[in-house]
PDB file of all heavy atoms in Angstrom:
ATOM      1  N   ASN A   1       1.108 -31.058  -9.402  1.00  0.00           N
ATOM      2  CA  ASN A   1       2.504 -31.491  -9.304  1.00  0.00           C
ATOM      3  C   ASN A   1       3.377 -30.401  -8.699  1.00  0.00           C
ATOM      4  O   ASN A   1       4.416 -30.026  -9.245  1.00  0.00           O
ATOM      5  CB  ASN A   1       3.020 -31.892 -10.687  1.00  0.00           C
ATOM      6  CG  ASN A   1       4.357 -32.605 -10.622  1.00  0.00           C
ATOM      7  OD1 ASN A   1       4.712 -33.199  -9.606  1.00  0.00           O
ATOM      8  ND2 ASN A   1       5.113 -32.548 -11.713  1.00  0.00           N
ATOM      9  N   LEU A   2       2.951 -29.910  -7.566  1.00  0.00           N
ATOM     10  CA  LEU A   2       3.647 -28.795  -6.934  1.00  0.00           C
ATOM     11  C   LEU A   2       5.037 -29.188  -6.464  1.00  0.00           C
ATOM     12  O   LEU A   2       5.275 -30.315  -6.028  1.00  0.00           O
ATOM     13  CB  LEU A   2       2.827 -28.271  -5.763  1.00  0.00           C
ATOM     14  CG  LEU A   2       1.634 -27.399  -6.172  1.00  0.00           C
ATOM     15  CD1 LEU A   2       0.627 -27.296  -5.038  1.00  0.00           C
ATOM     16  CD2 LEU A   2       2.115 -26.010  -6.580  1.00  0.00           C
ATOM     17  N   LYS A   3       5.938 -28.228  -6.565  1.00  0.00           N
ATOM     18  CA  LYS A   3       7.315 -28.391  -6.164  1.00  0.00           C
ATOM     19  C   LYS A   3       7.648 -27.394  -5.060  1.00  0.00           C
ATOM     20  O   LYS A   3       7.007 -26.351  -4.957  1.00  0.00           O
ATOM     21  CB  LYS A   3       8.250 -28.158  -7.355  1.00  0.00           C
ATOM     22  CG  LYS A   3       7.969 -29.046  -8.550  1.00  0.00           C
ATOM     23  CD  LYS A   3       8.872 -28.675  -9.721  1.00  0.00           C
ATOM     24  CE  LYS A   3       8.597 -29.553 -10.921  1.00  0.00           C
ATOM     25  NZ  LYS A   3       9.466 -29.179 -12.073  1.00  0.00           N
ATOM     26  N   PRO A   4       8.658 -27.691  -4.237  1.00  0.00           N
ATOM     27  CA  PRO A   4       9.042 -26.728  -3.194  1.00  0.00           C
ATOM     28  C   PRO A   4       9.348 -25.337  -3.750  1.00  0.00           C
ATOM     29  O   PRO A   4       9.075 -24.334  -3.075  1.00  0.00           O
ATOM     30  CB  PRO A   4      10.284 -27.369  -2.570  1.00  0.00           C
ATOM     31  CG  PRO A   4      10.068 -28.835  -2.755  1.00  0.00           C
ATOM     32  CD  PRO A   4       9.401 -28.955  -4.101  1.00  0.00           C
ATOM     33  N   GLU A   5       9.876 -25.255  -4.953  1.00  0.00           N
ATOM     34  CA  GLU A   5      10.191 -23.974  -5.560  1.00  0.00           C
ATOM     35  C   GLU A   5       8.958 -23.167  -5.929  1.00  0.00           C
ATOM     36  O   GLU A   5       9.071 -21.992  -6.276  1.00  0.00           O
ATOM     37  CB  GLU A   5      11.059 -24.179  -6.809  1.00  0.00           C
ATOM     38  CG  GLU A   5      10.374 -24.988  -7.906  1.00  0.00           C
ATOM     39  CD  GLU A   5      11.368 -25.680  -8.823  1.00  0.00           C
ATOM     40  OE1 GLU A   5      12.152 -26.507  -8.309  1.00  0.00           O
ATOM     41  OE2 GLU A   5      11.371 -25.391 -10.032  1.00  0.00           O
ATOM     42  N   ASP A   6       7.777 -23.777  -5.853  1.00  0.00           N
ATOM     43  CA  ASP A   6       6.536 -23.053  -6.084  1.00  0.00           C
ATOM     44  C   ASP A   6       6.076 -22.287  -4.853  1.00  0.00           C
ATOM     45  O   ASP A   6       5.104 -21.532  -4.931  1.00  0.00           O
ATOM     46  CB  ASP A   6       5.422 -24.012  -6.512  1.00  0.00           C
ATOM     47  CG  ASP A   6       5.705 -24.682  -7.844  1.00  0.00           C
ATOM     48  OD1 ASP A   6       6.177 -23.991  -8.768  1.00  0.00           O
ATOM     49  OD2 ASP A   6       5.437 -25.892  -7.964  1.00  0.00           O
ATOM     50  N   THR A   7       6.734 -22.495  -3.731  1.00  0.00           N
ATOM     51  CA  THR A   7       6.364 -21.813  -2.502  1.00  0.00           C
ATOM     52  C   THR A   7       6.492 -20.304  -2.677  1.00  0.00           C
ATOM     53  O   THR A   7       7.550 -19.794  -3.040  1.00  0.00           O
ATOM     54  CB  THR A   7       7.239 -22.276  -1.333  1.00  0.00           C
ATOM     55  OG1 THR A   7       7.010 -23.664  -1.082  1.00  0.00           O
ATOM     56  CG2 THR A   7       6.922 -21.484  -0.066  1.00  0.00           C
ATOM     57  N   ALA A   8       5.404 -19.600  -2.424  1.00  0.00           N
ATOM     58  CA  ALA A   8       5.371 -18.154  -2.617  1.00  0.00           C
ATOM     59  C   ALA A   8       4.008 -17.634  -2.188  1.00  0.00           C
ATOM     60  O   ALA A   8       3.075 -18.401  -1.950  1.00  0.00           O
ATOM     61  CB  ALA A   8       5.629 -17.790  -4.085  1.00  0.00           C
ATOM     62  N   VAL A   9       3.912 -16.320  -2.119  1.00  0.00           N
ATOM     63  CA  VAL A   9       2.617 -15.673  -2.025  1.00  0.00           C
ATOM     64  C   VAL A   9       2.118 -15.450  -3.439  1.00  0.00           C
ATOM     65  O   VAL A   9       2.820 -14.858  -4.265  1.00  0.00           O
ATOM     66  CB  VAL A   9       2.689 -14.337  -1.259  1.00  0.00           C
ATOM     67  CG1 VAL A   9       1.319 -13.662  -1.242  1.00  0.00           C
ATOM     68  CG2 VAL A   9       3.177 -14.564   0.164  1.00  0.00           C
ATOM     69  N   TYR A  10       0.927 -15.924  -3.727  1.00  0.00           N
ATOM     70  CA  TYR A  10       0.348 -15.811  -5.051  1.00  0.00           C
ATOM     71  C   TYR A  10      -0.646 -14.660  -5.071  1.00  0.00           C
ATOM     72  O   TYR A  10      -1.551 -14.588  -4.236  1.00  0.00           O
ATOM     73  CB  TYR A  10      -0.331 -17.120  -5.449  1.00  0.00           C
ATOM     74  CG  TYR A  10       0.648 -18.180  -5.856  1.00  0.00           C
ATOM     75  CD1 TYR A  10       1.482 -18.777  -4.912  1.00  0.00           C
ATOM     76  CD2 TYR A  10       0.767 -18.582  -7.189  1.00  0.00           C
ATOM     77  CE1 TYR A  10       2.410 -19.735  -5.288  1.00  0.00           C
ATOM     78  CE2 TYR A  10       1.683 -19.539  -7.566  1.00  0.00           C
ATOM     79  CZ  TYR A  10       2.505 -20.109  -6.616  1.00  0.00           C
ATOM     80  OH  TYR A  10       3.422 -21.069  -6.992  1.00  0.00           O
ATOM     81  N   TYR A  11      -0.465 -13.760  -6.035  1.00  0.00           N
ATOM     82  CA  TYR A  11      -1.276 -12.561  -6.153  1.00  0.00           C
ATOM     83  C   TYR A  11      -2.107 -12.596  -7.427  1.00  0.00           C
ATOM     84  O   TYR A  11      -1.605 -12.949  -8.496  1.00  0.00           O
ATOM     85  CB  TYR A  11      -0.402 -11.308  -6.182  1.00  0.00           C
ATOM     86  CG  TYR A  11       0.374 -11.053  -4.911  1.00  0.00           C
ATOM     87  CD1 TYR A  11       1.663 -11.540  -4.750  1.00  0.00           C
ATOM     88  CD2 TYR A  11      -0.184 -10.310  -3.878  1.00  0.00           C
ATOM     89  CE1 TYR A  11       2.379 -11.303  -3.593  1.00  0.00           C
ATOM     90  CE2 TYR A  11       0.523 -10.069  -2.718  1.00  0.00           C
ATOM     91  CZ  TYR A  11       1.811 -10.564  -2.582  1.00  0.00           C
ATOM     92  OH  TYR A  11       2.519 -10.322  -1.432  1.00  0.00           O
ATOM     93  N   CYS A  12      -3.333 -12.200  -7.302  1.00  0.00           N
ATOM     94  CA  CYS A  12      -4.224 -12.059  -8.436  1.00  0.00           C
ATOM     95  C   CYS A  12      -4.124 -10.646  -8.990  1.00  0.00           C
ATOM     96  O   CYS A  12      -3.991  -9.675  -8.236  1.00  0.00           O
ATOM     97  CB  CYS A  12      -5.659 -12.360  -8.001  1.00  0.00           C
ATOM     98  SG  CYS A  12      -6.906 -12.157  -9.284  1.00  0.00           S
ATOM     99  N   ASN A  13      -4.187 -10.529 -10.310  1.00  0.00           N
ATOM    100  CA  ASN A  13      -4.125  -9.241 -10.983  1.00  0.00           C
ATOM    101  C   ASN A  13      -5.234  -9.151 -12.023  1.00  0.00           C
ATOM    102  O   ASN A  13      -5.577 -10.148 -12.664  1.00  0.00           O
ATOM    103  CB  ASN A  13      -2.762  -9.058 -11.647  1.00  0.00           C
ATOM    104  CG  ASN A  13      -2.700  -7.832 -12.542  1.00  0.00           C
ATOM    105  OD1 ASN A  13      -2.862  -7.929 -13.759  1.00  0.00           O
ATOM    106  ND2 ASN A  13      -2.469  -6.676 -11.934  1.00  0.00           N
ATOM    107  N   ALA A  14      -5.769  -7.956 -12.191  1.00  0.00           N
ATOM    108  CA  ALA A  14      -6.786  -7.738 -13.209  1.00  0.00           C
ATOM    109  C   ALA A  14      -6.677  -6.338 -13.771  1.00  0.00           C
ATOM    110  O   ALA A  14      -6.429  -5.382 -13.027  1.00  0.00           O
ATOM    111  CB  ALA A  14      -8.190  -7.961 -12.636  1.00  0.00           C
ATOM    112  N   ASP A  15      -6.847  -6.224 -15.082  1.00  0.00           N
ATOM    113  CA  ASP A  15      -6.923  -4.933 -15.757  1.00  0.00           C
ATOM    114  C   ASP A  15      -8.393  -4.568 -15.876  1.00  0.00           C
ATOM    115  O   ASP A  15      -9.143  -5.226 -16.596  1.00  0.00           O
ATOM    116  CB  ASP A  15      -6.277  -4.992 -17.135  1.00  0.00           C
ATOM    117  CG  ASP A  15      -4.780  -5.217 -17.069  1.00  0.00           C
ATOM    118  OD1 ASP A  15      -4.162  -4.795 -16.078  1.00  0.00           O
ATOM    119  OD2 ASP A  15      -4.229  -5.815 -18.018  1.00  0.00           O
ATOM    120  N   VAL A  16      -8.783  -3.505 -15.181  1.00  0.00           N
ATOM    121  CA  VAL A  16     -10.191  -3.197 -15.003  1.00  0.00           C
ATOM    122  C   VAL A  16     -10.497  -1.778 -15.466  1.00  0.00           C
ATOM    123  O   VAL A  16      -9.747  -0.848 -15.179  1.00  0.00           O
ATOM    124  CB  VAL A  16     -10.611  -3.344 -13.523  1.00  0.00           C
ATOM    125  CG1 VAL A  16     -12.096  -3.048 -13.361  1.00  0.00           C
ATOM    126  CG2 VAL A  16     -10.289  -4.737 -13.015  1.00  0.00           C
ATOM    127  N   ARG A  17     -11.600  -1.631 -16.185  1.00  0.00           N
ATOM    128  CA  ARG A  17     -12.193  -0.326 -16.441  1.00  0.00           C
ATOM    129  C   ARG A  17     -13.375  -0.156 -15.511  1.00  0.00           C
ATOM    130  O   ARG A  17     -14.271  -1.006 -15.470  1.00  0.00           O
ATOM    131  CB  ARG A  17     -12.651  -0.196 -17.886  1.00  0.00           C
ATOM    132  CG  ARG A  17     -11.537  -0.245 -18.913  1.00  0.00           C
ATOM    133  CD  ARG A  17     -12.075  -0.067 -20.323  1.00  0.00           C
ATOM    134  NE  ARG A  17     -12.469   1.311 -20.583  1.00  0.00           N
ATOM    135  CZ  ARG A  17     -12.959   1.734 -21.744  1.00  0.00           C
ATOM    136  NH1 ARG A  17     -13.123   0.883 -22.741  1.00  0.00           N
ATOM    137  NH2 ARG A  17     -13.286   3.015 -21.896  1.00  0.00           N
ATOM    138  N   THR A  18     -13.381   0.932 -14.758  1.00  0.00           N
ATOM    139  CA  THR A  18     -14.476   1.200 -13.838  1.00  0.00           C
ATOM    140  C   THR A  18     -15.614   1.960 -14.509  1.00  0.00           C
ATOM    141  O   THR A  18     -16.712   2.035 -13.954  1.00  0.00           O
ATOM    142  CB  THR A  18     -13.989   1.979 -12.608  1.00  0.00           C
ATOM    143  OG1 THR A  18     -13.336   3.185 -13.030  1.00  0.00           O
ATOM    144  CG2 THR A  18     -12.996   1.135 -11.816  1.00  0.00           C
ATOM    145  N   SER A  19     -15.358   2.522 -15.675  1.00  0.00           N
ATOM    146  CA  SER A  19     -16.392   3.141 -16.487  1.00  0.00           C
ATOM    147  C   SER A  19     -15.892   3.225 -17.917  1.00  0.00           C
ATOM    148  O   SER A  19     -14.703   3.056 -18.189  1.00  0.00           O
ATOM    149  CB  SER A  19     -16.778   4.533 -15.970  1.00  0.00           C
ATOM    150  OG  SER A  19     -15.823   5.504 -16.352  1.00  0.00           O
ATOM    151  N   VAL A  20     -16.795   3.514 -18.844  1.00  0.00           N
ATOM    152  CA  VAL A  20     -16.433   3.607 -20.249  1.00  0.00           C
ATOM    153  C   VAL A  20     -15.530   4.800 -20.517  1.00  0.00           C
ATOM    154  O   VAL A  20     -14.831   4.836 -21.537  1.00  0.00           O
ATOM    155  CB  VAL A  20     -17.698   3.666 -21.125  1.00  0.00           C
ATOM    156  CG1 VAL A  20     -18.409   5.007 -20.938  1.00  0.00           C
ATOM    157  CG2 VAL A  20     -17.368   3.428 -22.588  1.00  0.00           C
ATOM    158  N   ALA A  21     -15.499   5.769 -19.623  1.00  0.00           N
ATOM    159  CA  ALA A  21     -14.770   7.010 -19.831  1.00  0.00           C
ATOM    160  C   ALA A  21     -13.322   6.973 -19.352  1.00  0.00           C
ATOM    161  O   ALA A  21     -12.600   7.959 -19.516  1.00  0.00           O
ATOM    162  CB  ALA A  21     -15.497   8.166 -19.142  1.00  0.00           C
ATOM    163  N   VAL A  22     -12.884   5.871 -18.760  1.00  0.00           N
ATOM    164  CA  VAL A  22     -11.544   5.808 -18.210  1.00  0.00           C
ATOM    165  C   VAL A  22     -10.754   4.674 -18.838  1.00  0.00           C
ATOM    166  O   VAL A  22     -11.311   3.725 -19.381  1.00  0.00           O
ATOM    167  CB  VAL A  22     -11.563   5.648 -16.673  1.00  0.00           C
ATOM    168  CG1 VAL A  22     -12.276   6.824 -16.027  1.00  0.00           C
ATOM    169  CG2 VAL A  22     -12.230   4.334 -16.282  1.00  0.00           C
ATOM    170  N   LEU A  23      -9.429   4.790 -18.734  1.00  0.00           N
ATOM    171  CA  LEU A  23      -8.543   3.739 -19.199  1.00  0.00           C
ATOM    172  C   LEU A  23      -8.518   2.586 -18.205  1.00  0.00           C
ATOM    173  O   LEU A  23      -8.924   2.721 -17.057  1.00  0.00           O
ATOM    174  CB  LEU A  23      -7.127   4.287 -19.385  1.00  0.00           C
ATOM    175  CG  LEU A  23      -6.938   5.371 -20.441  1.00  0.00           C
ATOM    176  CD1 LEU A  23      -5.510   5.901 -20.390  1.00  0.00           C
ATOM    177  CD2 LEU A  23      -7.255   4.831 -21.830  1.00  0.00           C
ATOM    178  N   ARG A  24      -8.023   1.452 -18.666  1.00  0.00           N
ATOM    179  CA  ARG A  24      -7.857   0.317 -17.779  1.00  0.00           C
ATOM    180  C   ARG A  24      -6.809   0.620 -16.719  1.00  0.00           C
ATOM    181  O   ARG A  24      -5.855   1.357 -16.952  1.00  0.00           O
ATOM    182  CB  ARG A  24      -7.444  -0.930 -18.557  1.00  0.00           C
ATOM    183  CG  ARG A  24      -8.502  -1.458 -19.505  1.00  0.00           C
ATOM    184  CD  ARG A  24      -8.106  -2.830 -20.028  1.00  0.00           C
ATOM    185  NE  ARG A  24      -6.867  -2.783 -20.788  1.00  0.00           N
ATOM    186  CZ  ARG A  24      -6.809  -2.568 -22.088  1.00  0.00           C
ATOM    187  NH1 ARG A  24      -7.923  -2.383 -22.789  1.00  0.00           N
ATOM    188  NH2 ARG A  24      -5.629  -2.543 -22.696  1.00  0.00           N
ATOM    189  N   GLU A  25      -6.999   0.030 -15.562  1.00  0.00           N
ATOM    190  CA  GLU A  25      -6.080   0.190 -14.452  1.00  0.00           C
ATOM    191  C   GLU A  25      -5.845  -1.165 -13.793  1.00  0.00           C
ATOM    192  O   GLU A  25      -6.764  -1.970 -13.680  1.00  0.00           O
ATOM    193  CB  GLU A  25      -6.630   1.189 -13.430  1.00  0.00           C
ATOM    194  CG  GLU A  25      -5.702   1.486 -12.264  1.00  0.00           C
ATOM    195  CD  GLU A  25      -6.262   2.533 -11.328  1.00  0.00           C
ATOM    196  OE1 GLU A  25      -7.240   3.200 -11.706  1.00  0.00           O
ATOM    197  OE2 GLU A  25      -5.715   2.685 -10.218  1.00  0.00           O
ATOM    198  N   ASP A  26      -4.614  -1.403 -13.377  1.00  0.00           N
ATOM    199  CA  ASP A  26      -4.271  -2.656 -12.714  1.00  0.00           C
ATOM    200  C   ASP A  26      -4.743  -2.664 -11.273  1.00  0.00           C
ATOM    201  O   ASP A  26      -4.560  -1.695 -10.533  1.00  0.00           O
ATOM    202  CB  ASP A  26      -2.758  -2.885 -12.734  1.00  0.00           C
ATOM    203  CG  ASP A  26      -2.238  -3.295 -14.089  1.00  0.00           C
ATOM    204  OD1 ASP A  26      -3.031  -3.781 -14.915  1.00  0.00           O
ATOM    205  OD2 ASP A  26      -1.024  -3.130 -14.313  1.00  0.00           O
ATOM    206  N   TYR A  27      -5.336  -3.776 -10.876  1.00  0.00           N
ATOM    207  CA  TYR A  27      -5.724  -3.997  -9.494  1.00  0.00           C
ATOM    208  C   TYR A  27      -5.107  -5.302  -9.019  1.00  0.00           C
ATOM    209  O   TYR A  27      -4.937  -6.248  -9.793  1.00  0.00           O
ATOM    210  CB  TYR A  27      -7.249  -4.041  -9.343  1.00  0.00           C
ATOM    211  CG  TYR A  27      -7.910  -2.700  -9.534  1.00  0.00           C
ATOM    212  CD1 TYR A  27      -8.263  -2.256 -10.806  1.00  0.00           C
ATOM    213  CD2 TYR A  27      -8.165  -1.870  -8.449  1.00  0.00           C
ATOM    214  CE1 TYR A  27      -8.853  -1.022 -10.988  1.00  0.00           C
ATOM    215  CE2 TYR A  27      -8.758  -0.638  -8.627  1.00  0.00           C
ATOM    216  CZ  TYR A  27      -9.098  -0.218  -9.899  1.00  0.00           C
ATOM    217  OH  TYR A  27      -9.688   1.015 -10.073  1.00  0.00           O
ATOM    218  N   TRP A  28      -4.796  -5.334  -7.733  1.00  0.00           N
ATOM    219  CA  TRP A  28      -4.122  -6.484  -7.137  1.00  0.00           C
ATOM    220  C   TRP A  28      -4.867  -6.972  -5.909  1.00  0.00           C
ATOM    221  O   TRP A  28      -5.419  -6.183  -5.142  1.00  0.00           O
ATOM    222  CB  TRP A  28      -2.694  -6.127  -6.724  1.00  0.00           C
ATOM    223  CG  TRP A  28      -1.795  -5.818  -7.874  1.00  0.00           C
ATOM    224  CD1 TRP A  28      -1.616  -4.616  -8.476  1.00  0.00           C
ATOM    225  CD2 TRP A  28      -0.950  -6.746  -8.560  1.00  0.00           C
ATOM    226  NE1 TRP A  28      -0.708  -4.724  -9.494  1.00  0.00           N
ATOM    227  CE2 TRP A  28      -0.287  -6.010  -9.573  1.00  0.00           C
ATOM    228  CE3 TRP A  28      -0.690  -8.105  -8.414  1.00  0.00           C
ATOM    229  CZ2 TRP A  28       0.629  -6.615 -10.441  1.00  0.00           C
ATOM    230  CZ3 TRP A  28       0.211  -8.711  -9.275  1.00  0.00           C
ATOM    231  CH2 TRP A  28       0.863  -7.960 -10.277  1.00  0.00           C
TER     232      TRP A  28
END
């Protein structure tokens, strides 16, 4: 049920740990 106001660039985001020794980091 998309509306004209939904028009945008949609970005994916994920909080990722690349190893057990590091904190999570945002990726886009």
